[in-house]
Amino acid sequence: MRMAKKKSVVKRATTKPKTLALKSKEPAQSKAELNAIIGSAERRARLVELMREEIHFTDEAIARFAQHRVQIDADY
């Protein structure tokens, strides 16, 4: 016996998607993105600490490095 193919039913959205309703002025960031930002700030802080203590870079050299390579936060 041959079976008839089941037709797929396309459901229409009756309301606007929730993502549109939740839009805010600032872009939403996922937990992973926030963790990456926090992690990169910690890595930058450790890098500056290493540059000062182990490699004995001057503050001027660290500032130049920050401008060109790593955009280190002004706090460090």
Protein backbone atom coordinates (compact mmCIF):
# COMPACT_ATOMS: atom_id res chain seq x y z
CA MET A 1 0.00 0.00 0.00
CA ARG A 2 1.19 3.46 -0.78
CA MET A 3 1.10 6.02 2.01
CA ALA A 4 0.09 9.56 1.17
CA LYS A 5 2.72 12.19 1.95
CA LYS A 6 1.93 14.27 4.97
CA LYS A 7 1.59 17.93 4.02
CA SER A 8 3.49 20.33 6.21
CA VAL A 9 1.44 23.11 7.72
CA VAL A 10 2.99 26.56 7.82
CA LYS A 11 1.90 28.36 10.95
CA ARG A 12 1.56 32.09 10.66
CA ALA A 13 2.79 34.34 13.47
CA THR A 14 -0.15 36.06 15.07
CA THR A 15 1.91 38.47 17.18
CA LYS A 16 5.16 40.32 16.77
CA PRO A 17 8.24 38.36 17.78
CA LYS A 18 9.31 38.94 21.38
CA THR A 19 12.72 40.18 20.26
CA LEU A 20 11.14 43.30 18.77
CA ALA A 21 9.27 44.07 21.97
CA LEU A 22 12.42 43.75 24.08
CA LYS A 23 14.54 46.18 22.07
CA SER A 24 16.27 48.76 24.22
CA LYS A 25 18.51 51.73 23.48
CA GLU A 26 21.67 49.70 24.20
CA PRO A 27 22.29 46.43 22.38
CA ALA A 28 21.65 43.39 24.54
CA GLN A 29 24.69 41.30 25.37
CA SER A 30 24.63 37.60 26.03
CA LYS A 31 26.18 36.09 29.14
CA ALA A 32 29.01 34.65 27.01
CA GLU A 33 29.81 38.08 25.54
CA LEU A 34 29.86 39.69 28.98
CA ASN A 35 32.16 36.94 30.28
CA ALA A 36 34.46 37.48 27.31
CA ILE A 37 34.63 41.23 28.00
CA ILE A 38 35.35 40.64 31.69
CA GLY A 39 37.91 37.98 30.81
CA SER A 40 39.68 40.23 28.32
CA ALA A 41 39.83 43.04 30.92
CA GLU A 42 41.43 40.62 33.38
CA ARG A 43 43.92 39.47 30.73
CA ARG A 44 44.80 43.09 29.91
CA ALA A 45 45.36 43.82 33.60
CA ARG A 46 47.62 40.76 33.94
CA LEU A 47 49.51 41.72 30.79
CA VAL A 48 50.22 45.22 32.12
CA GLU A 49 51.29 43.75 35.46
CA LEU A 50 53.68 41.39 33.68
CA MET A 51 55.04 44.21 31.53
CA ARG A 52 55.80 46.30 34.61
CA GLU A 53 57.19 43.64 36.94
CA GLU A 54 58.79 40.96 34.78
CA ILE A 55 59.83 42.78 31.62
CA HIS A 56 60.40 46.17 33.34
CA PHE A 57 58.64 48.25 30.70
CA THR A 58 58.37 51.95 31.42
CA ASP A 59 54.93 53.53 31.72
CA GLU A 60 55.56 55.33 28.42
CA ALA A 61 56.30 52.04 26.65
CA ILE A 62 53.16 50.47 28.11
CA ALA A 63 51.09 53.46 26.96
CA ARG A 64 52.49 53.20 23.42
CA PHE A 65 51.83 49.45 23.41
CA ALA A 66 48.29 50.08 24.65
CA GLN A 67 47.54 52.57 21.89
CA HIS A 68 48.71 50.33 19.09
CA ARG A 69 48.05 46.78 20.21
CA VAL A 70 45.66 46.13 23.05
CA GLN A 71 43.56 49.20 23.93
CA ILE A 72 44.24 48.83 27.65
CA ASP A 73 41.71 50.50 29.92
CA ALA A 74 42.83 53.82 31.40
CA ASP A 75 42.58 52.32 34.90
CA TYR A 76 45.67 50.17 34.40
